[in-house]
Amino acid sequence: MNELIDDYLAGAQKLRDAVAGMTGDQIDAKPVPGKWSTRQVVCHIADCEIVYADRMKRVIAEDNPDMLNLDPDTFAAGLAYDQRDVEEELQLIEATRRHLGRILKTLEPGQFQRTGQHSTDGPLPLEALLARITNHIPHHIKFIEAKRAAMAGQ
């Protein structure tokens, strides 16, 4: 479990590295048709960090809590992604992961099997929630890299 927590904690720096050196125009560019800009991707990640931190805390502290589904497109449409500051979003991601990482490191191995009830996915143990959010940043870094490659080829 320690390796998964370490990977979780390392994700914020990987995201910061992925966007390093990008100009404002590059952050807002949509070089891949039909895909979000890098700013939108970073905002999406930050929003998911908050949602997953809440889910994981509730699974740790409560007995089988309910967890609502998150609709990424609804969040993107309603939460001012085009007005949000990328550096602030990165700081939020870093702080959230440090905060939750400290909590996760206090847990006994069996506590990672505590579950919550997801509104669409059913019962999810803490370990699965942690794995999902840990893999979320690497998943989106691939899209950021594709955007950067597309801009370099223009």
C-alpha atoms as a PDB file:
ATOM      1  CA  MET A   1       0.000   0.000   0.000  1.00  0.00           C
ATOM      2  CA  ASN A   2       2.924   2.323   0.694  1.00  0.00           C
ATOM      3  CA  GLU A   3       3.901   2.204  -2.989  1.00  0.00           C
ATOM      4  CA  LEU A   4       0.396   3.235  -4.043  1.00  0.00           C
ATOM      5  CA  ILE A   5       0.437   6.118  -1.552  1.00  0.00           C
ATOM      6  CA  ASP A   6       3.866   7.177  -2.813  1.00  0.00           C
ATOM      7  CA  ASP A   7       2.586   7.102  -6.408  1.00  0.00           C
ATOM      8  CA  TYR A   8      -0.415   9.157  -5.328  1.00  0.00           C
ATOM      9  CA  LEU A   9       1.849  11.732  -3.707  1.00  0.00           C
ATOM     10  CA  ALA A  10       4.151  11.877  -6.760  1.00  0.00           C
ATOM     11  CA  GLY A  11       1.303  12.629  -9.172  1.00  0.00           C
ATOM     12  CA  ALA A  12       1.076  16.346  -8.471  1.00  0.00           C
ATOM     13  CA  GLN A  13       4.713  16.924  -9.444  1.00  0.00           C
ATOM     14  CA  LYS A  14       4.246  14.849 -12.598  1.00  0.00           C
ATOM     15  CA  LEU A  15       1.366  17.098 -13.604  1.00  0.00           C
ATOM     16  CA  ARG A  16       3.368  20.222 -12.808  1.00  0.00           C
ATOM     17  CA  ASP A  17       6.220  18.859 -14.956  1.00  0.00           C
ATOM     18  CA  ALA A  18       3.805  18.088 -17.812  1.00  0.00           C
ATOM     19  CA  VAL A  19       2.639  21.699 -18.051  1.00  0.00           C
ATOM     20  CA  ALA A  20       5.998  23.339 -17.268  1.00  0.00           C
ATOM     21  CA  GLY A  21       7.041  26.031 -19.706  1.00  0.00           C
ATOM     22  CA  MET A  22       3.698  26.312 -21.450  1.00  0.00           C
ATOM     23  CA  THR A  23       2.594  29.834 -22.353  1.00  0.00           C
ATOM     24  CA  GLY A  24      -0.898  31.123 -21.631  1.00  0.00           C
ATOM     25  CA  ASP A  25      -1.807  30.650 -25.282  1.00  0.00           C
ATOM     26  CA  GLN A  26      -0.556  27.067 -25.207  1.00  0.00           C
ATOM     27  CA  ILE A  27      -2.441  26.378 -21.963  1.00  0.00           C
ATOM     28  CA  ASP A  28      -5.670  27.547 -23.631  1.00  0.00           C
ATOM     29  CA  ALA A  29      -5.057  26.040 -27.068  1.00  0.00           C
ATOM     30  CA  LYS A  30      -7.186  23.171 -28.310  1.00  0.00           C
ATOM     31  CA  PRO A  31      -4.834  21.653 -30.906  1.00  0.00           C
ATOM     32  CA  VAL A  32      -6.598  18.289 -30.805  1.00  0.00           C
ATOM     33  CA  PRO A  33     -10.118  18.735 -32.221  1.00  0.00           C
ATOM     34  CA  GLY A  34     -12.907  17.932 -29.788  1.00  0.00           C
ATOM     35  CA  LYS A  35     -10.613  17.785 -26.753  1.00  0.00           C
ATOM     36  CA  TRP A  36     -10.256  20.098 -23.789  1.00  0.00           C
ATOM     37  CA  SER A  37      -7.474  22.665 -23.465  1.00  0.00           C
ATOM     38  CA  THR A  38      -4.691  22.022 -20.966  1.00  0.00           C
ATOM     39  CA  ARG A  39      -6.290  24.612 -18.641  1.00  0.00           C
ATOM     40  CA  GLN A  40      -9.540  22.658 -18.744  1.00  0.00           C
ATOM     41  CA  VAL A  41      -7.708  19.399 -18.072  1.00  0.00           C
ATOM     42  CA  VAL A  42      -5.901  20.857 -15.045  1.00  0.00           C
ATOM     43  CA  CYS A  43      -9.175  22.298 -13.694  1.00  0.00           C
ATOM     44  CA  HIS A  44     -10.865  18.930 -14.187  1.00  0.00           C
ATOM     45  CA  ILE A  45      -8.074  17.201 -12.271  1.00  0.00           C
ATOM     46  CA  ALA A  46      -8.305  19.737  -9.435  1.00  0.00           C
ATOM     47  CA  ASP A  47     -12.066  19.255  -9.162  1.00  0.00           C
ATOM     48  CA  CYS A  48     -11.660  15.480  -9.110  1.00  0.00           C
ATOM     49  CA  GLU A  49      -9.010  15.747  -6.402  1.00  0.00           C
ATOM     50  CA  ILE A  50     -11.492  17.494  -4.121  1.00  0.00           C
ATOM     51  CA  VAL A  51     -14.254  15.000  -4.882  1.00  0.00           C
ATOM     52  CA  TYR A  52     -11.982  11.990  -4.342  1.00  0.00           C
ATOM     53  CA  ALA A  53     -10.505  13.445  -1.156  1.00  0.00           C
ATOM     54  CA  ASP A  54     -14.048  13.792   0.194  1.00  0.00           C
ATOM     55  CA  ARG A  55     -14.938  10.259  -0.885  1.00  0.00           C
ATOM     56  CA  MET A  56     -11.833   8.745   0.685  1.00  0.00           C
ATOM     57  CA  LYS A  57     -12.197  10.690   3.929  1.00  0.00           C
ATOM     58  CA  ARG A  58     -15.809   9.635   4.219  1.00  0.00           C
ATOM     59  CA  VAL A  59     -14.949   5.976   3.558  1.00  0.00           C
ATOM     60  CA  ILE A  60     -12.262   6.172   6.258  1.00  0.00           C
ATOM     61  CA  ALA A  61     -14.454   7.923   8.826  1.00  0.00           C
ATOM     62  CA  GLU A  62     -18.006   6.741   8.089  1.00  0.00           C
ATOM     63  CA  ASP A  63     -19.679   3.368   7.685  1.00  0.00           C
ATOM     64  CA  ASN A  64     -20.369   2.632   4.012  1.00  0.00           C
ATOM     65  CA  PRO A  65     -21.111   6.236   2.940  1.00  0.00           C
ATOM     66  CA  ASP A  66     -22.909   7.155  -0.266  1.00  0.00           C
ATOM     67  CA  MET A  67     -20.799   8.685  -3.023  1.00  0.00           C
ATOM     68  CA  LEU A  68     -22.381  10.571  -5.909  1.00  0.00           C
ATOM     69  CA  ASN A  69     -21.168  10.280  -9.485  1.00  0.00           C
ATOM     70  CA  LEU A  70     -19.216  13.205 -10.947  1.00  0.00           C
ATOM     71  CA  ASP A  71     -20.100  14.357 -14.470  1.00  0.00           C
ATOM     72  CA  PRO A  72     -16.909  15.931 -15.879  1.00  0.00           C
ATOM     73  CA  ASP A  73     -18.724  17.813 -18.642  1.00  0.00           C
ATOM     74  CA  THR A  74     -21.214  19.340 -16.181  1.00  0.00           C
ATOM     75  CA  PHE A  75     -18.358  20.476 -13.965  1.00  0.00           C
ATOM     76  CA  ALA A  76     -16.468  21.901 -16.962  1.00  0.00           C
ATOM     77  CA  ALA A  77     -19.539  23.784 -18.178  1.00  0.00           C
ATOM     78  CA  GLY A  78     -20.499  25.230 -14.823  1.00  0.00           C
ATOM     79  CA  LEU A  79     -17.299  25.845 -12.885  1.00  0.00           C
ATOM     80  CA  ALA A  80     -15.560  28.633 -14.860  1.00  0.00           C
ATOM     81  CA  TYR A  81     -12.725  26.513 -16.220  1.00  0.00           C
ATOM     82  CA  ASP A  82     -11.770  29.267 -18.660  1.00  0.00           C
ATOM     83  CA  GLN A  83     -11.320  31.770 -15.788  1.00  0.00           C
ATOM     84  CA  ARG A  84      -9.341  29.644 -13.367  1.00  0.00           C
ATOM     85  CA  ASP A  85      -5.626  30.068 -12.718  1.00  0.00           C
ATOM     86  CA  VAL A  86      -3.495  27.021 -13.605  1.00  0.00           C
ATOM     87  CA  GLU A  87      -0.897  27.724 -10.902  1.00  0.00           C
ATOM     88  CA  GLU A  88      -3.628  27.974  -8.274  1.00  0.00           C
ATOM     89  CA  GLU A  89      -5.137  24.711  -9.501  1.00  0.00           C
ATOM     90  CA  LEU A  90      -1.724  22.985  -9.311  1.00  0.00           C
ATOM     91  CA  GLN A  91      -1.256  24.262  -5.767  1.00  0.00           C
ATOM     92  CA  LEU A  92      -4.688  22.938  -4.818  1.00  0.00           C
ATOM     93  CA  ILE A  93      -3.834  19.509  -6.236  1.00  0.00           C
ATOM     94  CA  GLU A  94      -0.511  19.475  -4.383  1.00  0.00           C
ATOM     95  CA  ALA A  95      -2.051  20.560  -1.088  1.00  0.00           C
ATOM     96  CA  THR A  96      -4.915  18.087  -1.354  1.00  0.00           C
ATOM     97  CA  ARG A  97      -2.571  15.196  -2.030  1.00  0.00           C
ATOM     98  CA  ARG A  98      -0.180  16.138   0.776  1.00  0.00           C
ATOM     99  CA  HIS A  99      -3.120  16.508   3.167  1.00  0.00           C
ATOM    100  CA  LEU A 100      -4.735  13.204   2.278  1.00  0.00           C
ATOM    101  CA  GLY A 101      -1.405  11.390   1.960  1.00  0.00           C
ATOM    102  CA  ARG A 102      -0.669  12.213   5.578  1.00  0.00           C
ATOM    103  CA  ILE A 103      -4.006  10.673   6.592  1.00  0.00           C
ATOM    104  CA  LEU A 104      -3.551   7.594   4.390  1.00  0.00           C
ATOM    105  CA  LYS A 105      -0.147   6.874   5.936  1.00  0.00           C
ATOM    106  CA  THR A 106      -1.773   6.532   9.379  1.00  0.00           C
ATOM    107  CA  LEU A 107      -4.092   3.713   8.290  1.00  0.00           C
ATOM    108  CA  GLU A 108      -3.739   0.013   8.983  1.00  0.00           C
ATOM    109  CA  PRO A 109      -3.776  -2.255   5.888  1.00  0.00           C
ATOM    110  CA  GLY A 110      -7.269  -3.557   6.635  1.00  0.00           C
ATOM    111  CA  GLN A 111      -8.713  -0.048   6.575  1.00  0.00           C
ATOM    112  CA  PHE A 112      -8.066   0.136   2.829  1.00  0.00           C
ATOM    113  CA  GLN A 113     -10.848  -2.445   2.413  1.00  0.00           C
ATOM    114  CA  ARG A 114     -13.477  -0.162   3.973  1.00  0.00           C
ATOM    115  CA  THR A 115     -16.122   0.626   1.360  1.00  0.00           C
ATOM    116  CA  GLY A 116     -18.486   3.309   0.224  1.00  0.00           C
ATOM    117  CA  GLN A 117     -21.488   3.011  -2.087  1.00  0.00           C
ATOM    118  CA  HIS A 118     -20.930   4.767  -5.410  1.00  0.00           C
ATOM    119  CA  SER A 119     -24.139   5.872  -7.132  1.00  0.00           C
ATOM    120  CA  THR A 120     -23.210   4.181 -10.430  1.00  0.00           C
ATOM    121  CA  ASP A 121     -20.327   1.807  -9.625  1.00  0.00           C
ATOM    122  CA  GLY A 122     -21.706   0.231  -6.458  1.00  0.00           C
ATOM    123  CA  PRO A 123     -19.473  -0.694  -3.536  1.00  0.00           C
ATOM    124  CA  LEU A 124     -15.927   0.694  -3.803  1.00  0.00           C
ATOM    125  CA  PRO A 125     -13.178   0.041  -1.273  1.00  0.00           C
ATOM    126  CA  LEU A 126     -10.788   2.787  -0.233  1.00  0.00           C
ATOM    127  CA  GLU A 127      -7.966   1.008  -2.050  1.00  0.00           C
ATOM    128  CA  ALA A 128      -9.891   1.203  -5.345  1.00  0.00           C
ATOM    129  CA  LEU A 129     -10.667   4.895  -4.810  1.00  0.00           C
ATOM    130  CA  LEU A 130      -7.006   5.584  -4.127  1.00  0.00           C
ATOM    131  CA  ALA A 131      -5.948   3.629  -7.218  1.00  0.00           C
ATOM    132  CA  ARG A 132      -8.449   5.504  -9.388  1.00  0.00           C
ATOM    133  CA  ILE A 133      -7.303   8.958  -8.318  1.00  0.00           C
ATOM    134  CA  THR A 134      -3.644   7.929  -8.415  1.00  0.00           C
ATOM    135  CA  ASN A 135      -4.049   6.848 -12.044  1.00  0.00           C
ATOM    136  CA  HIS A 136      -6.079   9.934 -12.967  1.00  0.00           C
ATOM    137  CA  ILE A 137      -3.135  12.292 -13.426  1.00  0.00           C
ATOM    138  CA  PRO A 138      -1.027   9.893 -15.566  1.00  0.00           C
ATOM    139  CA  HIS A 139      -4.137   9.258 -17.681  1.00  0.00           C
ATOM    140  CA  HIS A 140      -4.501  12.981 -18.380  1.00  0.00           C
ATOM    141  CA  ILE A 141      -0.782  13.639 -18.804  1.00  0.00           C
ATOM    142  CA  LYS A 142      -1.010  11.554 -21.983  1.00  0.00           C
ATOM    143  CA  PHE A 143      -3.563  14.047 -23.335  1.00  0.00           C
ATOM    144  CA  ILE A 144      -1.413  17.018 -22.331  1.00  0.00           C
ATOM    145  CA  GLU A 145       1.552  15.431 -24.099  1.00  0.00           C
ATOM    146  CA  ALA A 146      -0.585  14.904 -27.215  1.00  0.00           C
ATOM    147  CA  LYS A 147      -1.590  18.576 -27.132  1.00  0.00           C
ATOM    148  CA  ARG A 148       2.022  19.650 -26.808  1.00  0.00           C
ATOM    149  CA  ALA A 149       3.039  17.386 -29.683  1.00  0.00           C
ATOM    150  CA  ALA A 150       0.210  18.720 -31.850  1.00  0.00           C
ATOM    151  CA  MET A 151       1.265  22.316 -31.139  1.00  0.00           C
ATOM    152  CA  ALA A 152       4.908  21.511 -31.901  1.00  0.00           C
ATOM    153  CA  GLY A 153       3.839  20.092 -35.249  1.00  0.00           C
ATOM    154  CA  GLN A 154       1.839  23.168 -36.248  1.00  0.00           C
END
